[in-house]
Amino acid sequence: MRVLIVEDEAFMAEALQAGLRHEAIAADTVFDGDEALERVAVNDYDVVVLDRDIPGTHGDDVCATVVRDHPGTRVLMLTAATRLRDKVDGFALGADDYLTKPFALEELVVRLRALARRPRTAIPPVLEFGDLRLDPYRREAYRNGRYLRLARKQFAVLELLMRADGGVVSAETLLEKVWDENADPFTSAPRVTVSTLRRALGEPDPVVTVPGAGYRLGAPGGKA
């Protein structure tokens, strides 16, 4: 999952970014509405975590633009207001969810994962492919019932491959969804992470390299 945090309080934005990265969620941060619109225009975010009261373009207008121009991107609004009217207004603009400050990071993570499940196309809460089973909420993965001890990036890469359901996932997509905007576009990190993921999954290797295209999961039992 890739998230854009729009929050004008730098300390909070950085704390949220660090917390989400710890949960294997790639997060970018911006501090005003104008920059938020620029980022959304060039990056494919799954969710925008949007403070309603931000400098530049108001959060309400950012929300309306995202809903209109990027229907696949979900919006989770943040606000210090507790009035029902504010929440109603936010949902009326097309926001998918709402959190009132202060809130627990754990609750934000749960809400983000719930939003990421909403279709584009229907996504089951637990992913299965062949002998692989992955639960994004518990952050647990199994192969033939064997618990897999995966690092955060390995887990995120496996989740993307399983969501693709046998389709090819490019190295560029892995870099965009699992890492953040500070990643070197020429980095070998996706290739290295796929390599270590393969070792963690064991034999037979279920990850198929598609030359010039990327990676996909093979047929059940690890066959291509």
Foldseek 3Di string as FASTA:
>chain_A
DEEEEAAQPVVVQVVLCVLVVQLLFAYHYDQALVVLVVVVVPAQGQEYEFEQPGPDPGRLVSLLCCVVPPVNHAYEYEYQDDDPVVVVSSVVSPHPYYDHPPDDSLVVVVVSVVSSCDDVDHDDQWFDAAQWIAHSSVRWIDGVNHTFDADSLLSQVVVVQRVCRFDFDAPQNSCRGRYHPPDDSPDCVSVVSLVVSQVRNDPPRQWDADPPTHIHGHHHRNHD
